[in-house]
C-alpha atoms as a PDB file:
ATOM      1  CA  MET A   1      -1.323  18.071  -8.841  1.00  0.00           C
ATOM      2  CA  ARG A   2      -0.503  17.762  -5.192  1.00  0.00           C
ATOM      3  CA  GLY A   3       1.721  14.907  -4.003  1.00  0.00           C
ATOM      4  CA  TYR A   4       1.447  12.974  -0.736  1.00  0.00           C
ATOM      5  CA  THR A   5       3.082  10.050   1.025  1.00  0.00           C
ATOM      6  CA  VAL A   6       1.815   7.439   3.470  1.00  0.00           C
ATOM      7  CA  GLU A   7       4.447   5.419   5.301  1.00  0.00           C
ATOM      8  CA  PHE A   8       5.195   2.940   8.038  1.00  0.00           C
ATOM      9  CA  GLU A   9       8.481   2.140   9.745  1.00  0.00           C
ATOM     10  CA  ASN A  10       9.878  -1.086  11.214  1.00  0.00           C
ATOM     11  CA  VAL A  11       6.587  -2.988  11.568  1.00  0.00           C
ATOM     12  CA  SER A  12       6.547  -6.706  12.349  1.00  0.00           C
ATOM     13  CA  VAL A  13       4.827  -8.948   9.799  1.00  0.00           C
ATOM     14  CA  THR A  14       4.475 -12.350  11.415  1.00  0.00           C
ATOM     15  CA  THR A  15       3.977 -15.918  10.270  1.00  0.00           C
ATOM     16  CA  ALA A  16       0.467 -15.666  11.772  1.00  0.00           C
ATOM     17  CA  ASN A  17      -0.486 -13.169   9.027  1.00  0.00           C
ATOM     18  CA  THR A  18      -1.681 -14.782   5.812  1.00  0.00           C
ATOM     19  CA  ASP A  19      -2.895 -12.155   3.320  1.00  0.00           C
ATOM     20  CA  TYR A  20      -1.946  -8.741   4.670  1.00  0.00           C
ATOM     21  CA  ASP A  21      -2.826  -5.209   3.474  1.00  0.00           C
ATOM     22  CA  HIS A  22       0.219  -2.957   3.768  1.00  0.00           C
ATOM     23  CA  PHE A  23      -1.744   0.082   2.513  1.00  0.00           C
ATOM     24  CA  GLU A  24      -5.487   0.716   2.139  1.00  0.00           C
ATOM     25  CA  GLY A  25      -6.842   4.046   0.876  1.00  0.00           C
ATOM     26  CA  SER A  26     -10.403   5.312   0.439  1.00  0.00           C
ATOM     27  CA  PRO A  27     -10.859   8.457  -1.693  1.00  0.00           C
ATOM     28  CA  THR A  28     -13.472  11.051  -0.774  1.00  0.00           C
ATOM     29  CA  ASP A  29     -16.195  12.330  -3.084  1.00  0.00           C
ATOM     30  CA  GLU A  30     -14.986  14.330  -6.087  1.00  0.00           C
ATOM     31  CA  ARG A  31     -11.350  13.268  -5.511  1.00  0.00           C
ATOM     32  CA  GLY A  32      -9.232  10.575  -7.017  1.00  0.00           C
ATOM     33  CA  VAL A  33      -5.919   9.015  -6.126  1.00  0.00           C
ATOM     34  CA  LYS A  34      -3.190   8.266  -8.654  1.00  0.00           C
ATOM     35  CA  ILE A  35      -0.429   6.114  -7.143  1.00  0.00           C
ATOM     36  CA  THR A  36       3.033   7.152  -8.314  1.00  0.00           C
ATOM     37  CA  SER A  37       5.295   4.811  -6.335  1.00  0.00           C
ATOM     38  CA  ILE A  38       5.435   1.997  -3.809  1.00  0.00           C
ATOM     39  CA  VAL A  39       8.530   1.125  -1.780  1.00  0.00           C
ATOM     40  CA  LEU A  40       8.875  -1.799   0.654  1.00  0.00           C
ATOM     41  CA  ASP A  41      11.985  -2.775   2.560  1.00  0.00           C
ATOM     42  CA  VAL A  42      12.600  -5.762   4.826  1.00  0.00           C
ATOM     43  CA  LEU A  43      14.943  -4.788   7.653  1.00  0.00           C
ATOM     44  CA  SER A  44      15.424  -8.142   9.346  1.00  0.00           C
ATOM     45  CA  GLU A  45      16.384 -10.725   6.691  1.00  0.00           C
ATOM     46  CA  LEU A  46      20.122 -10.321   6.257  1.00  0.00           C
ATOM     47  CA  GLY A  47      21.297 -13.938   6.072  1.00  0.00           C
ATOM     48  CA  ASP A  48      21.070 -16.194   2.995  1.00  0.00           C
ATOM     49  CA  ALA A  49      19.327 -18.890   5.018  1.00  0.00           C
ATOM     50  CA  GLN A  50      16.430 -16.476   5.666  1.00  0.00           C
ATOM     51  CA  GLU A  51      15.906 -15.517   2.050  1.00  0.00           C
ATOM     52  CA  GLU A  52      12.292 -15.634   0.828  1.00  0.00           C
ATOM     53  CA  HIS A  53       9.981 -14.170  -1.795  1.00  0.00           C
ATOM     54  CA  ILE A  54       6.943 -12.001  -1.036  1.00  0.00           C
ATOM     55  CA  ARG A  55       4.074 -11.778  -3.528  1.00  0.00           C
ATOM     56  CA  LEU A  56       2.199  -8.473  -3.876  1.00  0.00           C
ATOM     57  CA  ARG A  57      -1.035  -7.382  -5.508  1.00  0.00           C
ATOM     58  CA  LEU A  58      -2.459  -3.893  -6.018  1.00  0.00           C
ATOM     59  CA  ILE A  59      -6.265  -4.160  -5.867  1.00  0.00           C
ATOM     60  CA  ARG A  60      -8.999  -1.595  -6.491  1.00  0.00           C
ATOM     61  CA  GLY A  61     -12.677  -1.928  -5.523  1.00  0.00           C
ATOM     62  CA  HIS A  62     -13.172  -3.646  -2.167  1.00  0.00           C
ATOM     63  CA  ALA A  63     -16.304  -2.359  -0.379  1.00  0.00           C
ATOM     64  CA  THR A  64     -15.470  -3.443   3.181  1.00  0.00           C
ATOM     65  CA  SER A  65     -12.411  -2.047   4.906  1.00  0.00           C
ATOM     66  CA  GLY A  66     -10.057  -4.346   6.753  1.00  0.00           C
ATOM     67  CA  SER A  67      -9.689  -4.175  10.516  1.00  0.00           C
ATOM     68  CA  GLY A  68      -6.782  -4.345  12.875  1.00  0.00           C
ATOM     69  CA  GLY A  69      -4.383  -1.971  11.143  1.00  0.00           C
ATOM     70  CA  SER A  70      -3.412   1.573  12.041  1.00  0.00           C
ATOM     71  CA  THR A  71      -4.712   4.852  10.652  1.00  0.00           C
ATOM     72  CA  ALA A  72      -2.107   6.863   8.749  1.00  0.00           C
ATOM     73  CA  THR A  73      -2.126  10.569   7.928  1.00  0.00           C
ATOM     74  CA  PRO A  74      -0.924  11.418   4.410  1.00  0.00           C
ATOM     75  CA  ARG A  75       1.890  13.969   4.399  1.00  0.00           C
ATOM     76  CA  PRO A  76       2.237  16.532   1.599  1.00  0.00           C
ATOM     77  CA  VAL A  77       5.475  16.265  -0.364  1.00  0.00           C
ATOM     78  CA  ASP A  78       5.467  20.077  -0.655  1.00  0.00           C
ATOM     79  CA  PRO A  79       5.035  21.497   2.877  1.00  0.00           C
ATOM     80  CA  VAL A  80       2.889  24.401   1.630  1.00  0.00           C
ATOM     81  CA  ASP A  81       0.282  22.107   0.044  1.00  0.00           C
ATOM     82  CA  ALA A  82      -3.096  21.623   1.683  1.00  0.00           C
ATOM     83  CA  ALA A  83      -4.058  18.512   3.615  1.00  0.00           C
ATOM     84  CA  ALA A  84      -4.814  15.473   1.479  1.00  0.00           C
ATOM     85  CA  GLY A  85      -8.334  15.029   0.127  1.00  0.00           C
ATOM     86  CA  ILE A  86      -8.430  11.271   0.670  1.00  0.00           C
ATOM     87  CA  SER A  87     -10.754  10.332   3.500  1.00  0.00           C
ATOM     88  CA  SER A  88      -8.627   7.650   5.109  1.00  0.00           C
ATOM     89  CA  TRP A  89      -5.510   5.499   4.848  1.00  0.00           C
ATOM     90  CA  GLU A  90      -4.862   2.396   6.883  1.00  0.00           C
ATOM     91  CA  ILE A  91      -1.513   0.652   7.146  1.00  0.00           C
ATOM     92  CA  ASN A  92      -0.383  -2.837   8.179  1.00  0.00           C
ATOM     93  CA  ASN A  93      -3.781  -4.447   8.262  1.00  0.00           C
ATOM     94  CA  PRO A  94      -3.715  -8.176   9.128  1.00  0.00           C
ATOM     95  CA  THR A  95      -7.480  -8.429   8.459  1.00  0.00           C
ATOM     96  CA  ILE A  96      -7.790  -7.575   4.773  1.00  0.00           C
ATOM     97  CA  ALA A  97     -10.349  -5.478   2.900  1.00  0.00           C
ATOM     98  CA  SER A  98     -13.058  -7.611   1.298  1.00  0.00           C
ATOM     99  CA  THR A  99     -16.352  -7.840  -0.629  1.00  0.00           C
ATOM    100  CA  GLY A 100     -17.273  -5.585  -3.528  1.00  0.00           C
ATOM    101  CA  THR A 101     -15.966  -5.846  -7.070  1.00  0.00           C
ATOM    102  CA  ALA A 102     -12.212  -6.181  -6.712  1.00  0.00           C
ATOM    103  CA  ASN A 103     -10.014  -5.533  -9.740  1.00  0.00           C
ATOM    104  CA  ASN A 104      -6.366  -6.574  -9.713  1.00  0.00           C
ATOM    105  CA  LEU A 105      -4.189  -3.791 -11.115  1.00  0.00           C
ATOM    106  CA  LEU A 106      -0.759  -5.306 -10.476  1.00  0.00           C
ATOM    107  CA  SER A 107       0.602  -8.700  -9.451  1.00  0.00           C
ATOM    108  CA  ASP A 108       4.285  -8.660  -8.568  1.00  0.00           C
ATOM    109  CA  GLY A 109       6.736  -9.799  -5.934  1.00  0.00           C
ATOM    110  CA  PHE A 110      10.166  -9.304  -4.462  1.00  0.00           C
ATOM    111  CA  ASN A 111      13.046 -11.047  -2.757  1.00  0.00           C
ATOM    112  CA  VAL A 112      13.218  -9.809   0.836  1.00  0.00           C
ATOM    113  CA  ARG A 113      16.948  -9.116   0.576  1.00  0.00           C
ATOM    114  CA  GLY A 114      16.459  -6.760  -2.375  1.00  0.00           C
ATOM    115  CA  GLY A 115      13.371  -4.817  -1.294  1.00  0.00           C
ATOM    116  CA  TYR A 116      10.658  -3.584  -3.639  1.00  0.00           C
ATOM    117  CA  ARG A 117      10.208  -0.418  -5.666  1.00  0.00           C
ATOM    118  CA  GLN A 118       7.589   0.334  -8.304  1.00  0.00           C
ATOM    119  CA  ASP A 119       7.378   3.762  -9.945  1.00  0.00           C
ATOM    120  CA  TRP A 120       4.737   5.099 -12.330  1.00  0.00           C
ATOM    121  CA  ASP A 121       4.679   8.321 -14.322  1.00  0.00           C
ATOM    122  CA  GLU A 122       1.860  10.419 -12.864  1.00  0.00           C
ATOM    123  CA  ASN A 123       1.020  11.611 -16.387  1.00  0.00           C
ATOM    124  CA  GLY A 124       1.047   8.100 -17.836  1.00  0.00           C
ATOM    125  CA  LYS A 125      -0.214   4.698 -16.730  1.00  0.00           C
ATOM    126  CA  ALA A 126      -0.229   5.221 -12.961  1.00  0.00           C
ATOM    127  CA  PRO A 127      -2.987   3.268 -11.154  1.00  0.00           C
ATOM    128  CA  PHE A 128      -5.961   5.535 -10.429  1.00  0.00           C
ATOM    129  CA  THR A 129      -9.008   5.128  -8.192  1.00  0.00           C
ATOM    130  CA  THR A 130     -12.004   7.242  -7.220  1.00  0.00           C
ATOM    131  CA  GLN A 131     -14.701   7.054  -4.560  1.00  0.00           C
ATOM    132  CA  ALA A 132     -16.806   4.972  -6.974  1.00  0.00           C
ATOM    133  CA  GLU A 133     -14.228   2.147  -6.762  1.00  0.00           C
ATOM    134  CA  THR A 134     -14.263   2.477  -2.946  1.00  0.00           C
ATOM    135  CA  THR A 135     -10.689   1.444  -1.997  1.00  0.00           C
ATOM    136  CA  VAL A 136      -7.223   0.720  -3.265  1.00  0.00           C
ATOM    137  CA  VAL A 137      -5.002  -1.734  -1.366  1.00  0.00           C
ATOM    138  CA  LEU A 138      -1.472  -3.089  -1.618  1.00  0.00           C
ATOM    139  CA  ARG A 139      -1.803  -6.667  -0.419  1.00  0.00           C
ATOM    140  CA  GLN A 140       0.841  -9.197   0.542  1.00  0.00           C
ATOM    141  CA  MET A 141      -0.417 -12.450  -0.956  1.00  0.00           C
ATOM    142  CA  ASN A 142       1.606 -15.006   0.984  1.00  0.00           C
ATOM    143  CA  THR A 143       2.655 -15.798   4.524  1.00  0.00           C
ATOM    144  CA  VAL A 144       6.251 -15.044   5.442  1.00  0.00           C
ATOM    145  CA  THR A 145       8.377 -18.064   6.393  1.00  0.00           C
ATOM    146  CA  ASP A 146       9.567 -16.333   9.548  1.00  0.00           C
ATOM    147  CA  ASP A 147       8.659 -13.008  11.147  1.00  0.00           C
ATOM    148  CA  VAL A 148      10.059  -9.971   9.332  1.00  0.00           C
ATOM    149  CA  SER A 149      10.369  -6.268  10.102  1.00  0.00           C
ATOM    150  CA  MET A 150       9.248  -4.048   7.221  1.00  0.00           C
ATOM    151  CA  SER A 151       9.123  -0.376   6.288  1.00  0.00           C
ATOM    152  CA  GLY A 152       7.201   1.087   3.388  1.00  0.00           C
ATOM    153  CA  THR A 153       6.099   4.247   1.588  1.00  0.00           C
ATOM    154  CA  LEU A 154       3.264   4.745  -0.867  1.00  0.00           C
ATOM    155  CA  SER A 155       3.347   8.002  -2.855  1.00  0.00           C
ATOM    156  CA  TYR A 156       0.386   9.419  -4.752  1.00  0.00           C
ATOM    157  CA  VAL A 157      -1.029  12.528  -6.347  1.00  0.00           C
ATOM    158  CA  GLU A 158      -4.521  13.956  -6.272  1.00  0.00           C
ATOM    159  CA  PRO A 159      -5.363  15.014  -9.818  1.00  0.00           C
ATOM    160  CA  GLY A 160      -7.291  18.169 -10.411  1.00  0.00           C
END
């Protein structure tokens, strides 16, 4: 299995954003994506008075991509590995993916002062998606109380 990462650094998530897709991936034909970890860090909320909780959901199956985010290029964990087989990743999308048959794979959350980390064993119960399910997204489910600066990394493997 080949491992890849998609990341963003020091991006502003504002109070104007309601639901927000931090990561959106669309596998190509004959390839799947097994997510092995998700890391989010809030860089701007250092005082107790600014403490808040962010709700997250990992969703598989939207048919319409969001708009307004940036395209990200997956990077191989091993520098000699080939380019990733996933057709596209978008990051920091304030207009979320929609329609289709969405299936919630994970509902979770984190305190902004502590950050977020979720790891799965790639040989175990790691969330998996294929082209038939169209997309996989990590969505922020609530509006932040005040603007925050965030960084994040999603790691995955392509089985096969």
